[in-house]
N, C-alpha and C. Protein backbone atom coordinates (compact mmCIF):
# COMPACT_ATOMS: atom_id res chain seq x y z
N MET A 1 50.17 -60.72 -22.84
CA MET A 1 50.70 -60.55 -23.87
C MET A 1 49.45 -59.39 -24.46
N ALA A 2 49.12 -60.53 -24.92
CA ALA A 2 48.02 -60.97 -26.73
C ALA A 2 46.93 -60.38 -26.21
N ILE A 3 46.95 -60.46 -24.70
CA ILE A 3 45.56 -59.39 -23.36
C ILE A 3 45.52 -57.54 -23.53
N ALA A 4 46.33 -57.19 -23.54
CA ALA A 4 47.40 -56.32 -23.49
C ALA A 4 47.43 -55.49 -24.72
N LEU A 5 47.40 -55.93 -25.95
CA LEU A 5 47.24 -55.45 -26.92
C LEU A 5 45.92 -55.39 -27.22
N LEU A 6 45.22 -56.62 -26.77
CA LEU A 6 43.87 -56.12 -27.57
C LEU A 6 43.16 -55.65 -26.67
N THR A 7 43.42 -55.14 -25.64
CA THR A 7 42.64 -54.41 -24.65
C THR A 7 43.37 -52.82 -25.31
N ALA A 8 44.40 -52.16 -25.49
CA ALA A 8 45.19 -51.51 -25.36
C ALA A 8 44.04 -50.68 -27.60
N GLY A 9 44.30 -51.73 -28.48
CA GLY A 9 43.00 -51.78 -29.74
C GLY A 9 42.06 -51.28 -29.99
N ALA A 10 41.39 -52.09 -28.32
CA ALA A 10 39.59 -51.76 -27.74
C ALA A 10 39.90 -50.30 -27.61
N ALA A 11 40.71 -49.82 -26.90
CA ALA A 11 40.59 -48.48 -26.32
C ALA A 11 40.60 -47.73 -26.94
N GLY A 12 41.52 -48.20 -28.55
CA GLY A 12 41.83 -46.90 -28.71
C GLY A 12 40.52 -47.08 -30.24
N ILE A 13 39.39 -48.39 -30.91
CA ILE A 13 38.48 -48.52 -31.62
C ILE A 13 37.54 -47.77 -30.13
N PHE A 14 37.16 -47.62 -29.27
CA PHE A 14 35.88 -47.02 -28.51
C PHE A 14 36.78 -45.47 -28.43
N ALA A 15 37.61 -44.81 -28.71
CA ALA A 15 38.18 -44.24 -28.50
C ALA A 15 37.54 -43.09 -30.03
N LEU A 16 38.28 -43.45 -31.16
CA LEU A 16 37.44 -43.24 -32.02
C LEU A 16 36.58 -43.19 -33.29
N GLN A 17 35.61 -44.07 -31.65
CA GLN A 17 34.24 -44.15 -32.19
C GLN A 17 32.91 -43.05 -32.16
N GLN A 18 33.78 -42.61 -30.11
CA GLN A 18 34.00 -41.65 -29.41
C GLN A 18 33.88 -40.14 -30.30
N ALA A 19 35.09 -39.90 -31.14
CA ALA A 19 35.17 -39.12 -31.86
C ALA A 19 34.14 -38.64 -32.89
N ALA A 20 33.82 -40.22 -33.70
CA ALA A 20 33.40 -39.92 -34.72
C ALA A 20 31.82 -39.60 -34.45
N ILE A 21 31.20 -40.31 -33.17
CA ILE A 21 30.00 -39.89 -33.04
C ILE A 21 30.07 -38.23 -32.91
N ASN A 22 30.37 -37.69 -31.49
CA ASN A 22 30.85 -36.24 -31.37
C ASN A 22 31.07 -35.32 -32.91
N GLY A 23 32.43 -35.42 -34.08
CA GLY A 23 32.02 -35.20 -35.29
C GLY A 23 30.33 -35.31 -36.31
N ASN A 24 29.92 -36.30 -36.24
CA ASN A 24 28.62 -36.28 -37.18
C ASN A 24 27.68 -35.58 -36.00
N ALA A 25 27.82 -35.16 -34.67
CA ALA A 25 26.11 -34.13 -33.91
C ALA A 25 26.66 -32.86 -34.39
N GLU A 26 28.39 -32.50 -34.74
CA GLU A 26 28.78 -31.46 -34.72
C GLU A 26 28.32 -30.94 -36.30
N ALA A 27 28.46 -31.84 -36.92
CA ALA A 27 28.19 -31.45 -38.71
C ALA A 27 26.57 -30.86 -38.04
N ARG A 28 25.93 -31.98 -37.95
CA ARG A 28 24.74 -32.15 -37.66
C ARG A 28 24.03 -30.60 -37.42
N GLN A 29 24.57 -30.55 -36.16
CA GLN A 29 24.32 -28.77 -35.59
C GLN A 29 24.39 -27.71 -36.88
N MET A 30 25.70 -27.50 -37.37
CA MET A 30 25.85 -26.78 -38.49
C MET A 30 25.12 -27.14 -39.15
N SER A 31 24.56 -27.87 -40.28
CA SER A 31 23.78 -28.53 -41.23
C SER A 31 22.58 -28.07 -40.77
N ILE A 32 22.25 -27.60 -39.70
CA ILE A 32 20.66 -26.96 -38.75
C ILE A 32 20.36 -25.72 -39.31
N ALA A 33 21.95 -24.98 -38.78
CA ALA A 33 22.19 -24.03 -38.70
C ALA A 33 22.00 -22.90 -39.50
N THR A 34 23.23 -23.98 -40.95
CA THR A 34 23.19 -23.30 -42.09
C THR A 34 21.14 -23.05 -42.77
N THR A 35 20.39 -23.92 -42.92
CA THR A 35 19.87 -24.46 -43.38
C THR A 35 18.67 -22.67 -42.06
N VAL A 36 19.15 -23.12 -41.42
CA VAL A 36 17.73 -22.03 -40.54
C VAL A 36 18.25 -20.65 -41.22
N THR A 37 19.47 -20.35 -41.27
CA THR A 37 20.40 -18.53 -41.99
C THR A 37 19.47 -18.69 -43.02
N ARG A 38 19.45 -19.96 -44.01
CA ARG A 38 19.26 -19.79 -45.11
C ARG A 38 17.14 -19.00 -45.12
N THR A 39 16.81 -19.65 -44.35
CA THR A 39 15.32 -19.80 -44.66
C THR A 39 15.10 -17.79 -44.04
N TRP A 40 16.05 -17.76 -42.81
CA TRP A 40 15.88 -16.49 -42.05
C TRP A 40 16.13 -15.21 -44.02
N LEU A 41 17.42 -15.98 -43.85
CA LEU A 41 17.68 -14.71 -45.44
C LEU A 41 17.06 -14.57 -46.03
N GLU A 42 16.53 -15.78 -46.80
CA GLU A 42 14.71 -15.82 -47.55
C GLU A 42 13.43 -14.62 -47.58
N ARG A 43 13.20 -15.29 -45.79
CA ARG A 43 12.53 -13.98 -45.40
C ARG A 43 12.65 -13.04 -45.36
N LEU A 44 13.78 -12.59 -45.55
CA LEU A 44 14.62 -11.13 -45.39
C LEU A 44 13.86 -10.44 -46.87
N LYS A 45 14.15 -10.88 -47.67
CA LYS A 45 14.19 -10.85 -49.44
C LYS A 45 13.05 -10.93 -49.48
N ARG A 46 12.44 -11.93 -49.20
CA ARG A 46 10.34 -11.70 -49.24
C ARG A 46 9.71 -10.53 -48.56
N ASP A 47 10.27 -10.21 -47.57
CA ASP A 47 9.96 -8.91 -46.47
C ASP A 47 10.03 -7.51 -47.29
N ALA A 48 11.36 -7.79 -48.52
CA ALA A 48 11.88 -6.69 -49.46
C ALA A 48 10.79 -6.65 -50.44
N LEU A 49 9.29 -7.57 -50.32
CA LEU A 49 8.21 -7.06 -51.37
C LEU A 49 7.32 -5.67 -50.91
N ASN A 50 7.34 -5.77 -49.71
CA ASN A 50 6.70 -5.03 -49.20
C ASN A 50 6.89 -3.64 -49.25
N TRP A 51 8.45 -3.06 -49.93
CA TRP A 51 8.61 -2.32 -50.04
C TRP A 51 8.07 -1.19 -50.66
N ASN A 52 7.76 -0.53 -50.25
CA ASN A 52 7.00 0.14 -51.32
C ASN A 52 7.49 1.37 -52.84
N THR A 53 8.57 2.22 -51.54
CA THR A 53 9.51 2.42 -53.33
C THR A 53 10.89 3.26 -52.77
N GLY A 54 11.46 3.46 -54.04
CA GLY A 54 12.81 3.88 -53.49
C GLY A 54 13.25 4.98 -53.90
N GLY A 55 14.24 5.57 -53.54
CA GLY A 55 14.78 6.46 -53.72
C GLY A 55 15.93 7.03 -52.72
N ALA A 56 16.88 7.94 -52.99
CA ALA A 56 17.24 8.64 -52.63
C ALA A 56 17.73 9.21 -51.06
N ILE A 57 17.21 9.09 -50.62
CA ILE A 57 16.95 9.24 -49.10
C ILE A 57 16.31 8.72 -48.86
N ALA A 58 17.31 7.78 -47.75
CA ALA A 58 16.41 6.22 -46.99
C ALA A 58 15.88 7.35 -45.83
N THR A 59 14.53 6.60 -45.50
CA THR A 59 13.69 6.87 -44.60
C THR A 59 12.84 5.78 -43.88
N ALA A 60 11.66 6.24 -43.25
CA ALA A 60 11.24 5.05 -42.79
C ALA A 60 9.86 4.95 -43.96
N LEU A 61 9.42 5.77 -44.17
CA LEU A 61 8.33 5.88 -44.50
C LEU A 61 7.94 4.84 -45.89
N PRO A 62 9.72 4.13 -46.75
CA PRO A 62 8.45 3.72 -47.89
C PRO A 62 9.17 1.91 -47.08
N LEU A 63 9.48 1.49 -46.44
CA LEU A 63 9.97 0.22 -45.61
C LEU A 63 8.45 0.57 -44.79
N ALA A 64 7.55 1.18 -44.62
CA ALA A 64 6.66 0.58 -43.89
C ALA A 64 6.01 0.30 -43.42
N ARG A 65 6.35 -0.94 -44.34
CA ARG A 65 5.02 -1.85 -44.67
C ARG A 65 5.99 -3.15 -44.26
N THR A 66 6.67 -3.64 -43.99
CA THR A 66 7.84 -4.14 -43.86
C THR A 66 7.55 -5.17 -42.34
N ARG A 67 8.43 -6.00 -41.97
CA ARG A 67 8.60 -6.63 -40.65
C ARG A 67 9.51 -6.28 -40.53
N TYR A 68 10.74 -6.63 -40.65
CA TYR A 68 11.37 -6.20 -40.49
C TYR A 68 12.76 -5.27 -41.09
N LEU A 69 12.39 -5.05 -42.57
CA LEU A 69 13.29 -4.38 -42.57
C LEU A 69 13.37 -2.96 -42.52
N LEU A 70 12.35 -2.30 -41.86
CA LEU A 70 12.40 -0.96 -41.36
C LEU A 70 13.39 -0.71 -39.61
N ASN A 71 13.63 -1.72 -39.44
CA ASN A 71 14.36 -1.64 -38.47
C ASN A 71 16.12 -1.45 -39.18
N VAL A 72 15.74 -0.65 -40.20
CA VAL A 72 17.22 -0.99 -40.33
C VAL A 72 17.85 0.70 -40.07
N PRO A 73 19.21 0.77 -39.34
CA PRO A 73 19.47 1.98 -38.93
C PRO A 73 19.38 3.45 -39.91
N ALA A 74 19.72 4.18 -39.62
CA ALA A 74 19.60 5.53 -40.87
C ALA A 74 21.32 5.77 -41.15
N VAL A 75 21.08 6.39 -42.37
CA VAL A 75 22.43 6.10 -43.11
C VAL A 75 23.77 6.44 -41.98
N GLY A 76 24.62 5.89 -41.96
CA GLY A 76 26.24 6.80 -41.46
C GLY A 76 26.16 5.65 -39.40
N THR A 77 24.87 5.04 -39.31
CA THR A 77 24.96 4.03 -38.38
C THR A 77 25.48 3.58 -38.23
N SER A 78 26.11 3.04 -37.25
CA SER A 78 26.93 1.51 -36.85
C SER A 78 24.98 0.84 -36.92
N PRO A 79 25.74 -0.99 -37.94
CA PRO A 79 24.72 -1.98 -37.57
C PRO A 79 24.98 -2.44 -36.81
N THR A 80 23.27 -2.86 -36.27
CA THR A 80 23.52 -3.32 -34.99
C THR A 80 23.16 -4.95 -34.78
N TRP A 81 23.30 -6.27 -33.77
CA TRP A 81 22.55 -7.22 -33.93
C TRP A 81 20.95 -7.27 -33.54
N MET A 82 20.13 -8.00 -33.99
CA MET A 82 18.54 -7.38 -33.30
C MET A 82 18.79 -9.27 -33.36
N THR A 83 17.52 -9.14 -32.45
CA THR A 83 16.21 -10.56 -32.71
C THR A 83 15.35 -10.33 -33.20
N PRO A 84 14.78 -11.03 -34.34
CA PRO A 84 13.92 -11.25 -34.54
C PRO A 84 12.42 -11.11 -34.18
N ALA A 85 11.26 -10.07 -34.49
CA ALA A 85 10.19 -9.83 -33.58
C ALA A 85 9.44 -11.12 -34.09
N VAL A 86 8.07 -11.63 -32.75
CA VAL A 86 7.66 -12.62 -32.75
C VAL A 86 6.50 -12.84 -33.62
N PHE A 87 6.30 -13.14 -35.25
CA PHE A 87 4.64 -13.21 -35.24
C PHE A 87 4.54 -15.23 -35.42
N ALA A 88 3.51 -15.19 -35.69
CA ALA A 88 2.24 -16.05 -36.21
C ALA A 88 2.82 -17.12 -36.97
N ASP A 89 3.29 -16.52 -38.15
CA ASP A 89 3.92 -17.38 -38.72
C ASP A 89 5.91 -16.88 -38.47
N SER A 90 6.63 -16.90 -37.92
CA SER A 90 7.98 -16.53 -38.37
C SER A 90 8.19 -16.74 -36.42
N ARG A 91 8.98 -17.54 -35.83
CA ARG A 91 10.59 -16.64 -35.14
C ARG A 91 11.48 -17.09 -34.57
N ALA A 92 11.95 -16.22 -33.91
CA ALA A 92 13.50 -16.68 -33.53
C ALA A 92 14.50 -17.96 -33.03
N SER A 93 13.03 -18.40 -32.82
CA SER A 93 13.54 -19.80 -31.64
C SER A 93 13.50 -20.92 -33.12
N TYR A 94 14.36 -22.10 -32.49
CA TYR A 94 14.58 -23.11 -33.32
C TYR A 94 14.12 -24.84 -32.28
N ASP A 95 13.90 -25.67 -32.58
CA ASP A 95 14.17 -26.85 -32.17
C ASP A 95 15.26 -27.41 -32.19
N HIS A 96 15.79 -28.93 -31.80
CA HIS A 96 16.56 -29.90 -32.10
C HIS A 96 16.29 -30.48 -33.45
N TYR A 97 15.54 -30.07 -34.24
CA TYR A 97 15.79 -30.65 -35.51
C TYR A 97 15.32 -29.38 -36.23
N GLY A 98 15.95 -28.68 -35.89
CA GLY A 98 15.29 -27.02 -37.01
C GLY A 98 13.83 -26.49 -36.99
N ARG A 99 13.81 -26.45 -35.79
CA ARG A 99 11.43 -26.78 -36.64
C ARG A 99 11.34 -25.28 -35.76
N GLU A 100 10.82 -24.61 -35.76
CA GLU A 100 10.45 -22.97 -35.04
C GLU A 100 9.38 -23.13 -34.08
N ILE A 101 9.75 -22.56 -32.37
CA ILE A 101 9.91 -22.86 -31.91
C ILE A 101 8.87 -22.07 -30.43
N ALA A 102 8.48 -22.18 -29.95
CA ALA A 102 8.10 -20.73 -29.15
C ALA A 102 8.90 -21.05 -28.45
N LEU A 103 9.27 -19.19 -27.50
CA LEU A 103 10.42 -19.41 -26.40
C LEU A 103 10.39 -20.12 -25.18
N GLY A 104 11.16 -20.58 -24.32
CA GLY A 104 10.39 -21.13 -22.96
C GLY A 104 10.14 -22.75 -23.72
N GLY A 105 10.65 -23.31 -24.57
CA GLY A 105 10.06 -24.37 -25.01
C GLY A 105 11.71 -25.21 -25.10
N ASP A 106 11.83 -26.42 -25.59
CA ASP A 106 13.06 -26.83 -25.75
C ASP A 106 14.12 -26.51 -26.97
N VAL A 107 14.72 -25.43 -27.10
CA VAL A 107 15.72 -24.25 -27.73
C VAL A 107 16.23 -25.08 -27.68
N ARG A 108 16.96 -24.80 -29.71
CA ARG A 108 18.87 -25.20 -29.02
C ARG A 108 18.94 -24.17 -29.86
N TYR A 109 18.81 -23.55 -30.84
CA TYR A 109 19.27 -22.56 -32.13
C TYR A 109 18.70 -20.93 -31.63
N CYS A 110 19.36 -20.27 -31.55
CA CYS A 110 17.98 -18.98 -32.15
C CYS A 110 18.77 -17.84 -33.62
N ALA A 111 17.84 -16.88 -33.67
CA ALA A 111 18.39 -16.17 -35.25
C ALA A 111 18.58 -15.53 -34.43
N GLN A 112 19.18 -14.29 -35.42
CA GLN A 112 19.67 -12.93 -35.15
C GLN A 112 20.05 -12.09 -36.36
N TYR A 113 19.57 -11.27 -37.14
CA TYR A 113 19.99 -10.19 -38.18
C TYR A 113 20.06 -8.92 -37.40
N ARG A 114 20.96 -8.28 -38.77
CA ARG A 114 22.09 -6.44 -39.20
C ARG A 114 20.94 -6.01 -40.44
N LEU A 115 20.88 -4.86 -40.03
CA LEU A 115 21.05 -4.63 -41.53
C LEU A 115 21.58 -3.25 -41.23
N GLU A 116 21.57 -2.95 -42.81
CA GLU A 116 22.63 -1.85 -42.99
C GLU A 116 22.77 -1.60 -44.34
N TRP A 117 22.66 0.44 -44.79
CA TRP A 117 22.19 1.14 -45.75
C TRP A 117 23.35 0.79 -46.67
N VAL A 118 22.87 -0.16 -48.39
CA VAL A 118 23.97 -0.69 -48.98
C VAL A 118 24.12 0.72 -50.26
N ASN A 119 23.77 0.77 -50.73
CA ASN A 119 22.91 2.66 -51.04
C ASN A 119 21.31 3.25 -51.17
N ALA A 120 21.81 4.29 -50.24
CA ALA A 120 20.82 4.36 -49.40
C ALA A 120 19.16 4.83 -50.00
N GLY A 121 18.39 4.11 -49.38
CA GLY A 121 17.01 4.43 -49.94
C GLY A 121 16.94 2.78 -51.43
N GLN A 122 17.60 2.33 -51.39
CA GLN A 122 17.92 1.59 -52.65
C GLN A 122 18.27 0.17 -51.98
N ALA A 123 19.84 0.09 -51.64
CA ALA A 123 19.81 -1.59 -51.36
C ALA A 123 20.41 -1.26 -50.20
N MET A 124 20.12 -2.09 -49.34
CA MET A 124 21.13 -2.71 -47.79
C MET A 124 20.92 -4.33 -47.63
N ARG A 125 22.61 -4.20 -46.32
CA ARG A 125 23.06 -5.18 -46.38
C ARG A 125 22.58 -6.22 -45.35
N ALA A 126 21.93 -7.45 -45.64
CA ALA A 126 20.83 -7.50 -44.72
C ALA A 126 22.82 -8.89 -43.71
N ASP A 127 23.02 -9.27 -42.75
CA ASP A 127 23.50 -10.43 -41.96
C ASP A 127 22.44 -10.96 -41.04
N VAL A 128 22.76 -12.13 -41.24
CA VAL A 128 21.56 -13.21 -40.51
C VAL A 128 22.65 -14.28 -39.61
N ARG A 129 22.63 -14.25 -38.38
CA ARG A 129 23.92 -14.78 -37.29
C ARG A 129 22.54 -16.19 -36.83
N VAL A 130 23.00 -17.46 -36.90
CA VAL A 130 22.04 -18.22 -35.76
C VAL A 130 23.08 -18.77 -34.70
N TRP A 131 23.10 -18.55 -33.69
CA TRP A 131 23.66 -19.06 -32.79
C TRP A 131 22.59 -20.75 -31.66
N TRP A 132 23.62 -21.03 -31.73
CA TRP A 132 23.54 -21.99 -30.71
C TRP A 132 24.79 -22.29 -29.57
N HIS A 133 24.76 -23.03 -27.94
CA HIS A 133 24.65 -23.21 -27.43
C HIS A 133 26.46 -24.19 -27.46
N ARG A 134 27.44 -24.44 -27.25
CA ARG A 134 28.08 -25.55 -27.70
C ARG A 134 28.11 -27.09 -27.09
N ARG A 135 26.98 -26.91 -26.09
CA ARG A 135 26.94 -27.84 -25.37
C ARG A 135 25.50 -27.99 -26.32
N GLY A 136 24.79 -27.56 -26.51
CA GLY A 136 22.71 -27.97 -27.51
C GLY A 136 21.97 -26.78 -26.92
N ASN A 137 21.27 -27.47 -25.34
CA ASN A 137 20.74 -26.67 -25.53
C ASN A 137 20.25 -24.79 -25.03
N VAL A 138 19.74 -24.02 -25.54
CA VAL A 138 20.30 -22.61 -24.85
C VAL A 138 18.76 -22.00 -24.05
N GLY A 139 17.92 -23.14 -23.94
CA GLY A 139 16.44 -23.02 -23.27
C GLY A 139 16.69 -22.84 -22.16
N ALA A 140 15.49 -23.24 -21.66
CA ALA A 140 15.19 -23.88 -20.20
C ALA A 140 16.58 -24.18 -18.62
N ALA A 141 16.99 -26.20 -19.91
CA ALA A 141 18.48 -25.78 -19.20
C ALA A 141 19.52 -25.02 -18.79
N ALA A 142 19.75 -24.47 -19.61
CA ALA A 142 20.74 -22.79 -19.99
C ALA A 142 20.42 -21.58 -19.55
N ALA A 143 19.14 -21.37 -19.01
CA ALA A 143 18.62 -20.44 -18.37
C ALA A 143 19.62 -19.07 -18.38
N ASN A 144 20.44 -19.07 -17.60
CA ASN A 144 21.56 -18.59 -16.88
C ASN A 144 22.14 -18.51 -18.54
N LEU A 145 22.42 -18.75 -19.40
CA LEU A 145 23.31 -18.25 -20.39
C LEU A 145 22.86 -17.47 -21.78
N TYR A 146 22.60 -15.91 -22.16
CA TYR A 146 21.07 -15.57 -22.39
C TYR A 146 20.08 -16.55 -22.86
N PRO A 147 19.20 -15.93 -22.16
CA PRO A 147 18.09 -16.81 -21.90
C PRO A 147 17.18 -16.09 -23.66
N ASN A 148 15.71 -15.88 -23.32
CA ASN A 148 15.03 -15.66 -25.17
C ASN A 148 16.01 -15.87 -26.13
N CYS A 149 16.78 -16.21 -26.01
CA CYS A 149 17.80 -16.18 -27.69
C CYS A 149 18.42 -15.09 -27.61
N GLY A 150 19.14 -14.69 -25.91
CA GLY A 150 19.81 -13.48 -25.68
C GLY A 150 19.53 -11.89 -26.54
N VAL A 151 17.89 -12.06 -26.28
CA VAL A 151 17.11 -10.61 -26.73
C VAL A 151 17.83 -9.56 -24.92
N GLY A 152 18.84 -8.96 -25.65
CA GLY A 152 19.24 -7.62 -25.25
C GLY A 152 20.86 -8.13 -24.79
N ALA A 153 20.91 -9.14 -25.99
CA ALA A 153 23.44 -9.45 -25.52
C ALA A 153 23.04 -9.38 -26.84
N GLU A 154 22.92 -9.42 -27.70
CA GLU A 154 23.23 -9.16 -29.14
C GLU A 154 25.03 -9.54 -29.55
N THR A 155 25.60 -8.27 -28.66
CA THR A 155 26.62 -7.81 -28.60
C THR A 155 27.57 -9.87 -27.58
N ALA A 156 27.33 -9.65 -26.90
CA ALA A 156 28.42 -10.73 -26.17
C ALA A 156 28.22 -11.54 -26.76
N ILE A 157 26.78 -12.15 -27.44
CA ILE A 157 27.23 -13.42 -28.28
C ILE A 157 28.22 -13.91 -28.87
N GLY A 158 28.57 -12.94 -29.59
CA GLY A 158 29.38 -13.32 -30.79
C GLY A 158 30.63 -13.05 -30.08
N ASN A 159 30.90 -12.72 -28.46
CA ASN A 159 32.14 -12.59 -28.72
C ASN A 159 32.73 -13.83 -27.36
N ASP A 160 31.42 -14.61 -26.73
CA ASP A 160 31.89 -15.94 -26.14
C ASP A 160 31.65 -17.55 -26.90
N ILE A 161 33.01 -17.74 -25.50
CA ILE A 161 33.11 -19.01 -26.97
C ILE A 161 32.84 -20.09 -26.07
N ARG A 162 31.94 -20.34 -25.65
CA ARG A 162 30.52 -20.78 -25.30
C ARG A 162 30.12 -20.93 -26.39
N ILE A 163 29.76 -20.13 -26.86
CA ILE A 163 28.73 -20.30 -27.91
C ILE A 163 29.16 -20.47 -29.81
N ARG A 164 28.62 -21.23 -30.47
CA ARG A 164 28.55 -21.21 -31.76
C ARG A 164 27.44 -20.65 -33.10
N SER A 165 28.05 -20.63 -33.85
CA SER A 165 27.07 -19.90 -34.35
C SER A 165 28.01 -20.02 -36.63
N VAL A 166 26.25 -20.11 -36.75
CA VAL A 166 27.08 -19.35 -38.48
C VAL A 166 26.70 -18.09 -39.29
N SER A 167 27.07 -17.15 -39.98
CA SER A 167 26.78 -15.94 -40.58
C SER A 167 26.32 -16.76 -41.51
N ALA A 168 25.88 -15.39 -42.69
CA ALA A 168 25.59 -15.30 -43.74
C ALA A 168 25.32 -13.80 -44.34
N SER A 169 25.29 -13.17 -45.28
CA SER A 169 24.60 -11.86 -45.16
C SER A 169 24.27 -11.88 -47.45
N THR A 170 23.58 -11.52 -48.06
CA THR A 170 23.25 -10.82 -49.22
C THR A 170 22.80 -9.34 -49.35
N VAL A 171 22.54 -8.57 -50.18
CA VAL A 171 22.15 -7.36 -50.46
C VAL A 171 20.44 -7.42 -50.56
N ILE A 172 20.07 -6.97 -50.08
CA ILE A 172 18.27 -6.59 -50.30
C ILE A 172 18.57 -5.47 -50.63
N ARG A 173 17.46 -4.84 -52.54
CA ARG A 173 17.60 -4.16 -52.98
C ARG A 173 16.06 -3.79 -53.06
N TRP A 174 15.47 -2.74 -53.23
CA TRP A 174 14.33 -1.95 -53.39
C TRP A 174 13.85 -1.94 -55.18
N VAL A 175 12.58 -3.36 -55.59
CA VAL A 175 12.82 -2.99 -57.08
C VAL A 175 11.28 -2.78 -57.44
N PRO A 176 11.29 -2.22 -58.40
CA PRO A 176 10.37 -1.39 -59.08
C PRO A 176 9.62 -2.20 -59.28
N ARG A 177 8.13 -2.36 -59.22
CA ARG A 177 7.07 -2.79 -59.35
C ARG A 177 5.82 -2.65 -60.16
């Protein structure tokens, strides 16, 4: 009888230990994704420093020197998710530790953004979403599930239960210099 009770208690402790390990892994993933999201929000704000001039009419010309903000859709157009362009100092793909890496490597997290005019020519809303596959890898091991960080599948990612994501928003304004 004592051995049966001891076995049942041990099984409960092992199950509790497994739940704690899984919870900690999910918390780590959420923390890394939140950090990457904040990094992209700051990157978009920094990009606004190259926003030449404001105006009552939203045109591409004042945004021509920006990297990411020039992709803001015209006034009245619905915003869509975009995978950021890759530059030497910025990527949209991240590894297990939240470090930027090239596509084709061990990609775990992917960043996307969308822009929308709040006040035409003066201020825009920027949404950032960092997503990852529920089971971890979104790179080579899961190449059939949104390869290349989902370029071309941005809408589907938001509706897929196999994907987890963190989102944040900010307003970016033209600041006269």
